[in-house]
């Protein structure tokens, strides 16, 4: 009995130390890079992304929201490139996608864009927004920015997939393809740990590091936020590709079947990875990049076929009838 008691005490003590250590570490780690750090990150790369900011005044708020994003520059000769917009999960920032911005094969095929979601990175860091609807409103200027692009693909990871879904709902004629990566889409189809509720208690909440507090506030409001967009899934007309780990214990694989059942007006492809958890962007980056490239290639083939069809019709119309 004494041995059991000692083991129990040491287990509780160890867990407490790890929890306290994690909180302390969280105050010093915010997973974001300054503008200058991003410049340094890409200084030896062939393509140097450019950082931009814009401001949005939302109804019912006095202070405008600031949103930061980075994009690869394009010349006049590259103005017809497709655009791929990356939207990160929680906790994270646009730096989550840095490696994609170093992939020369991908850079040759598309203009890449990544954004700090509201409250993360340098988009009003620490100022949380738990509504998916309002987050999409804040990112809408990015969709407007690329309205002349010949093709717009949005890639959403984890919670970023929720916001991406809303963007596709709001822009059925502008968003051409959506890639959901380990995305939380169905209300309640994700794990919420008991510590999340503990961290939300009034005495504890403000002692939690800003980055973790942001993610926790989003997590606890996520079911309600997803329920708010539930009626609008039929509005999505973009082609859909889903990548999800079958061993994902954080955002359950059942999100894939949920999406398939609700995407009644979209063509859906799914890739379930048997060995992966919630780690696809990190551990399957090359695979994910190839999926994006394949989508762009299929788009090119369709555009070429369409152009040939138009050319044949034009030639037939120009041929005089005897």
Protein backbone atom coordinates (compact mmCIF):
# COMPACT_ATOMS: atom_id res chain seq x y z
CA UNK A 1 0.00 0.00 0.00
CA UNK A 2 2.84 2.36 0.88
CA UNK A 3 4.51 1.64 -2.46
CA UNK A 4 1.29 2.45 -4.31
CA UNK A 5 0.89 5.71 -2.38
CA UNK A 6 4.48 6.74 -3.13
CA UNK A 7 4.08 5.97 -6.83
CA UNK A 8 0.81 7.90 -6.93
CA UNK A 9 2.38 10.93 -5.21
CA UNK A 10 5.40 10.92 -7.51
CA UNK A 11 3.12 10.63 -10.55
CA UNK A 12 1.04 13.62 -9.44
CA UNK A 13 4.18 15.57 -8.58
CA UNK A 14 5.74 14.79 -11.98
CA UNK A 15 2.58 15.80 -13.84
CA UNK A 16 2.41 19.01 -11.82
CA UNK A 17 6.03 19.86 -12.60
CA UNK A 18 5.47 19.17 -16.31
CA UNK A 19 2.33 21.33 -16.32
CA UNK A 20 4.04 24.21 -14.54
CA UNK A 21 7.09 23.84 -16.77
CA UNK A 22 4.87 23.92 -19.84
CA UNK A 23 3.14 27.09 -18.67
CA UNK A 24 6.46 28.80 -17.90
CA UNK A 25 7.88 27.76 -21.27
CA UNK A 26 4.73 29.03 -22.95
CA UNK A 27 5.45 32.56 -21.76
CA UNK A 28 8.71 32.53 -23.69
CA UNK A 29 7.61 30.61 -26.81
CA UNK A 30 5.05 32.22 -29.10
CA UNK A 31 5.74 30.35 -32.39
CA UNK A 32 5.88 33.55 -34.43
CA UNK A 33 8.58 35.46 -36.29
CA UNK A 34 9.01 39.18 -36.64
CA UNK A 35 9.15 40.73 -40.10
CA UNK A 36 12.93 40.92 -39.85
CA UNK A 37 13.19 37.31 -38.73
CA UNK A 38 11.20 36.31 -41.80
CA UNK A 39 13.56 38.33 -43.99
CA UNK A 40 16.51 36.51 -42.40
CA UNK A 41 14.72 33.16 -42.79
CA UNK A 42 14.54 33.56 -46.57
CA UNK A 43 17.66 35.62 -47.32
CA UNK A 44 19.49 32.65 -48.85
CA UNK A 45 16.47 31.45 -50.83
CA UNK A 46 15.81 32.12 -54.49
CA UNK A 47 12.46 33.74 -53.73
CA UNK A 48 12.06 36.29 -50.93
CA UNK A 49 8.48 36.56 -49.63
CA UNK A 50 7.16 40.03 -48.87
CA UNK A 51 5.30 40.85 -45.64
CA UNK A 52 2.16 43.00 -45.75
CA UNK A 53 -0.43 44.31 -43.31
CA UNK A 54 -4.01 45.47 -43.73
CA UNK A 55 -6.71 46.76 -41.38
CA UNK A 56 -10.37 45.83 -41.06
CA UNK A 57 -13.04 47.75 -39.17
CA UNK A 58 -15.67 45.32 -37.93
CA UNK A 59 -19.18 46.22 -36.84
CA UNK A 60 -19.53 46.62 -33.10
CA UNK A 61 -15.82 47.22 -32.50
CA UNK A 62 -14.04 50.50 -31.92
CA UNK A 63 -10.51 49.41 -32.77
CA UNK A 64 -9.81 48.07 -36.28
CA UNK A 65 -8.24 44.64 -36.58
CA UNK A 66 -4.76 44.26 -38.04
CA UNK A 67 -3.95 41.26 -40.22
CA UNK A 68 -0.44 40.28 -41.35
CA UNK A 69 0.31 38.08 -44.33
CA UNK A 70 3.25 37.24 -46.57
CA UNK A 71 3.28 36.47 -50.27
CA UNK A 72 5.82 35.54 -52.88
CA UNK A 73 6.30 38.42 -55.32
CA UNK A 74 5.24 38.01 -58.93
CA UNK A 75 6.39 39.83 -62.04
CA UNK A 76 4.16 40.91 -64.90
CA UNK A 77 5.08 37.73 -66.76
CA UNK A 78 3.95 35.67 -63.73
CA UNK A 79 0.65 37.50 -63.26
CA UNK A 80 -1.26 34.48 -64.56
CA UNK A 81 0.06 32.15 -61.84
CA UNK A 82 -2.49 30.36 -59.62
CA UNK A 83 -2.56 31.49 -55.98
CA UNK A 84 -2.22 29.10 -53.03
CA UNK A 85 -3.29 30.59 -49.69
CA UNK A 86 -2.26 28.78 -46.47
CA UNK A 87 -4.32 29.18 -43.26
CA UNK A 88 -2.75 27.80 -40.05
CA UNK A 89 -4.27 26.10 -37.03
CA UNK A 90 -3.83 26.72 -33.29
CA UNK A 91 -1.51 27.56 -31.69
CA UNK A 92 0.58 28.66 -34.65
CA UNK A 93 1.34 31.44 -37.15
CA UNK A 94 2.12 31.90 -40.83
CA UNK A 95 5.65 30.64 -40.11
CA UNK A 96 4.10 27.16 -39.87
CA UNK A 97 4.30 27.05 -43.68
CA UNK A 98 7.83 28.41 -44.19
CA UNK A 99 9.13 25.22 -45.77
CA UNK A 100 6.55 25.42 -48.55
CA UNK A 101 7.90 28.88 -49.40
CA UNK A 102 11.33 27.31 -49.94
CA UNK A 103 10.13 24.60 -52.33
CA UNK A 104 11.32 25.70 -55.79
CA UNK A 105 9.02 23.28 -57.61
CA UNK A 106 5.98 24.76 -55.90
CA UNK A 107 7.26 28.32 -56.32
CA UNK A 108 7.53 27.76 -60.07
CA UNK A 109 3.88 26.78 -60.27
CA UNK A 110 2.06 29.24 -58.02
CA UNK A 111 2.13 32.43 -56.02
CA UNK A 112 2.18 31.42 -52.35
CA UNK A 113 0.46 33.33 -49.56
CA UNK A 114 0.29 32.65 -45.82
CA UNK A 115 -1.61 34.63 -43.20
CA UNK A 116 -1.52 35.09 -39.44
CA UNK A 117 -5.05 34.31 -38.30
CA UNK A 118 -6.68 36.91 -36.00
CA UNK A 119 -4.94 36.93 -32.63
CA UNK A 120 -1.90 34.96 -33.81
CA UNK A 121 1.52 35.94 -35.13
CA UNK A 122 1.39 39.68 -35.69
CA UNK A 123 -2.34 39.89 -36.40
CA UNK A 124 -3.15 41.59 -33.07
CA UNK A 125 -1.33 38.93 -31.08
CA UNK A 126 -3.35 37.89 -28.05
CA UNK A 127 -6.63 39.47 -29.21
CA UNK A 128 -8.75 36.36 -29.59
CA UNK A 129 -11.64 35.92 -32.01
CA UNK A 130 -13.59 32.73 -31.35
CA UNK A 131 -16.18 33.16 -34.11
CA UNK A 132 -15.34 31.37 -37.37
CA UNK A 133 -17.75 33.68 -39.17
CA UNK A 134 -15.93 36.80 -37.97
CA UNK A 135 -12.50 35.29 -38.61
CA UNK A 136 -13.51 34.70 -42.23
CA UNK A 137 -14.72 38.30 -42.47
CA UNK A 138 -11.28 39.47 -41.33
CA UNK A 139 -9.56 37.33 -43.97
CA UNK A 140 -11.94 38.31 -46.78
CA UNK A 141 -9.65 41.16 -47.98
CA UNK A 142 -7.12 38.46 -48.94
CA UNK A 143 -9.70 36.75 -51.15
CA UNK A 144 -10.49 40.14 -52.68
CA UNK A 145 -6.80 40.83 -53.25
CA UNK A 146 -6.48 37.81 -55.54
CA UNK A 147 -9.84 38.14 -57.29
CA UNK A 148 -8.06 38.49 -60.67
CA UNK A 149 -5.99 35.35 -60.14
CA UNK A 150 -6.84 32.64 -62.70
CA UNK A 151 -7.12 30.05 -59.94
CA UNK A 152 -7.34 30.27 -56.14
CA UNK A 153 -6.58 27.35 -53.85
CA UNK A 154 -6.96 27.65 -50.07
CA UNK A 155 -5.12 25.19 -47.80
CA UNK A 156 -6.43 25.00 -44.23
CA UNK A 157 -4.69 23.10 -41.45
CA UNK A 158 -6.52 21.96 -38.29
CA UNK A 159 -8.55 24.95 -36.98
CA UNK A 160 -7.48 26.80 -40.12
CA UNK A 161 -9.63 24.31 -42.02
CA UNK A 162 -12.70 25.60 -40.20
CA UNK A 163 -11.96 29.16 -41.31
CA UNK A 164 -11.11 27.95 -44.82
CA UNK A 165 -14.50 26.23 -45.05
CA UNK A 166 -16.20 29.50 -44.19
CA UNK A 167 -14.17 31.38 -46.81
CA UNK A 168 -15.28 28.83 -49.42
CA UNK A 169 -18.91 29.24 -48.31
CA UNK A 170 -18.66 33.01 -48.68
CA UNK A 171 -16.85 32.87 -52.04
CA UNK A 172 -18.27 30.01 -54.12
CA UNK A 173 -17.31 31.74 -57.37
CA UNK A 174 -13.80 32.78 -56.30
CA UNK A 175 -12.36 29.83 -54.38
CA UNK A 176 -11.59 27.09 -56.92
CA UNK A 177 -10.09 24.39 -54.69
CA UNK A 178 -9.87 23.73 -50.95
CA UNK A 179 -7.35 21.41 -49.32
CA UNK A 180 -8.36 20.39 -45.81
CA UNK A 181 -5.37 19.08 -43.81
CA UNK A 182 -6.23 17.45 -40.47
CA UNK A 183 -9.11 19.89 -40.41
CA UNK A 184 -11.68 20.26 -37.62
CA UNK A 185 -14.98 20.58 -39.49
CA UNK A 186 -17.74 18.74 -37.62
CA UNK A 187 -19.09 20.05 -34.30
CA UNK A 188 -17.71 17.93 -31.47
CA UNK A 189 -15.45 15.79 -33.67
CA UNK A 190 -12.27 16.65 -31.77
CA UNK A 191 -10.73 15.93 -28.40
CA UNK A 192 -11.01 18.46 -25.61
CA UNK A 193 -8.78 17.62 -22.66
CA UNK A 194 -10.02 18.24 -19.09
CA UNK A 195 -7.14 20.66 -18.53
CA UNK A 196 -8.74 22.97 -21.11
CA UNK A 197 -11.70 23.54 -18.78
CA UNK A 198 -9.38 23.94 -15.79
CA UNK A 199 -7.31 26.54 -17.68
CA UNK A 200 -10.51 28.46 -18.47
CA UNK A 201 -11.43 28.97 -14.81
CA UNK A 202 -11.26 32.64 -13.72
CA UNK A 203 -8.40 32.13 -11.27
CA UNK A 204 -6.24 30.31 -13.82
CA UNK A 205 -7.18 31.85 -17.16
CA UNK A 206 -5.02 34.97 -17.05
CA UNK A 207 -2.01 33.05 -15.81
CA UNK A 208 -2.00 30.95 -18.97
CA UNK A 209 0.50 32.18 -21.63
CA UNK A 210 -1.18 34.24 -24.41
CA UNK A 211 -0.53 31.68 -27.16
CA UNK A 212 -2.00 28.80 -25.17
CA UNK A 213 -4.87 30.98 -23.94
CA UNK A 214 -5.75 31.87 -27.53
CA UNK A 215 -5.84 28.24 -28.60
CA UNK A 216 -7.80 27.23 -25.51
CA UNK A 217 -10.41 29.97 -25.98
CA UNK A 218 -10.87 28.87 -29.59
CA UNK A 219 -11.04 25.21 -28.56
CA UNK A 220 -13.77 25.72 -25.97
CA UNK A 221 -15.86 27.84 -28.36
CA UNK A 222 -15.19 25.68 -31.41
CA UNK A 223 -18.27 23.47 -31.28
CA UNK A 224 -20.60 26.47 -31.10
CA UNK A 225 -18.64 28.25 -33.86
CA UNK A 226 -18.92 25.20 -36.16
CA UNK A 227 -22.62 24.85 -35.44
CA UNK A 228 -23.08 28.46 -36.56
CA UNK A 229 -21.83 27.64 -40.08
CA UNK A 230 -23.53 24.25 -40.31
CA UNK A 231 -26.42 25.41 -42.58
CA UNK A 232 -24.02 26.88 -45.17
CA UNK A 233 -22.06 23.80 -46.24
CA UNK A 234 -24.14 23.42 -49.44
CA UNK A 235 -22.80 26.83 -50.55
CA UNK A 236 -19.35 25.36 -51.16
CA UNK A 237 -18.82 24.68 -54.86
CA UNK A 238 -15.01 24.45 -54.91
CA UNK A 239 -13.31 21.12 -55.54
CA UNK A 240 -12.22 19.54 -52.26
CA UNK A 241 -9.19 17.47 -51.28
CA UNK A 242 -8.97 16.06 -47.77
CA UNK A 243 -5.80 14.80 -46.06
CA UNK A 244 -6.22 13.26 -42.63
CA UNK A 245 -4.29 10.89 -40.40
CA UNK A 246 -6.21 7.78 -39.42
CA UNK A 247 -4.47 7.83 -36.04
CA UNK A 248 -5.33 11.47 -35.35
CA UNK A 249 -6.55 11.53 -31.74
CA UNK A 250 -6.85 15.32 -31.57
CA UNK A 251 -9.06 16.02 -34.60
CA UNK A 252 -10.84 12.78 -35.35
CA UNK A 253 -10.80 11.17 -38.83
CA UNK A 254 -14.62 11.22 -38.71
CA UNK A 255 -14.30 14.84 -39.83
CA UNK A 256 -13.70 13.45 -43.32
CA UNK A 257 -17.00 11.58 -43.47
CA UNK A 258 -18.76 14.59 -41.95
CA UNK A 259 -17.44 16.82 -44.73
CA UNK A 260 -18.32 14.33 -47.46
CA UNK A 261 -21.89 14.16 -46.19
CA UNK A 262 -22.25 17.95 -46.11
CA UNK A 263 -20.38 18.90 -49.30
CA UNK A 264 -23.38 18.15 -51.48
CA UNK A 265 -22.36 20.57 -54.24
CA UNK A 266 -18.63 19.86 -54.35
CA UNK A 267 -16.40 17.18 -55.83
CA UNK A 268 -14.48 15.54 -52.97
CA UNK A 269 -11.30 13.47 -52.89
CA UNK A 270 -9.90 12.01 -49.70
CA UNK A 271 -6.48 10.75 -48.66
CA UNK A 272 -6.49 8.94 -45.31
CA UNK A 273 -2.95 8.30 -44.10
CA UNK A 274 -2.86 5.16 -41.93
CA UNK A 275 0.31 5.95 -39.97
CA UNK A 276 -0.25 9.64 -39.30
CA UNK A 277 -1.66 11.49 -36.33
CA UNK A 278 -2.14 15.28 -36.23
CA UNK A 279 1.24 15.78 -37.86
CA UNK A 280 0.77 15.81 -41.63
CA UNK A 281 2.21 19.28 -42.29
CA UNK A 282 5.37 18.37 -40.37
CA UNK A 283 5.91 14.74 -41.30
CA UNK A 284 4.29 14.55 -44.73
CA UNK A 285 5.22 17.93 -46.18
CA UNK A 286 6.61 16.48 -49.44
CA UNK A 287 3.50 14.34 -49.85
CA UNK A 288 1.28 17.34 -49.17
CA UNK A 289 3.27 19.43 -51.67
CA UNK A 290 2.83 16.73 -54.30
CA UNK A 291 -0.92 16.76 -53.72
CA UNK A 292 -0.96 20.53 -54.32
CA UNK A 293 1.18 20.15 -57.46
CA UNK A 294 -1.10 17.40 -58.78
CA UNK A 295 -4.11 19.68 -58.32
CA UNK A 296 -2.35 22.46 -60.23
CA UNK A 297 -1.36 20.02 -62.98
CA UNK A 298 -4.93 18.78 -63.36
CA UNK A 299 -6.05 22.39 -63.57
CA UNK A 300 -3.47 23.07 -66.32
CA UNK A 301 -4.66 20.04 -68.30
CA UNK A 302 -8.27 21.20 -68.09
CA UNK A 303 -7.32 24.74 -69.16
CA UNK A 304 -5.31 23.41 -72.12
CA UNK A 305 -8.20 21.20 -73.23
CA UNK A 306 -10.61 24.11 -72.88
CA UNK A 307 -8.34 26.37 -74.94
CA UNK A 308 -8.08 23.74 -77.70
CA UNK A 309 -11.86 23.35 -77.77
CA UNK A 310 -12.34 27.11 -78.09
CA UNK A 311 -9.73 27.26 -80.86
CA UNK A 312 -11.45 24.48 -82.83
CA UNK A 313 -14.85 26.16 -82.50
CA UNK A 314 -13.41 29.49 -83.59
CA UNK A 315 -11.79 27.88 -86.62
CA UNK A 316 -15.05 26.18 -87.57
CA UNK A 317 -16.93 29.47 -87.30
CA UNK A 318 -14.36 31.21 -89.48
CA UNK A 319 -14.50 28.54 -92.22
CA UNK A 320 -16.82 29.78 -94.97
CA UNK A 321 -19.73 27.53 -95.82
CA UNK A 322 -20.12 26.54 -99.50
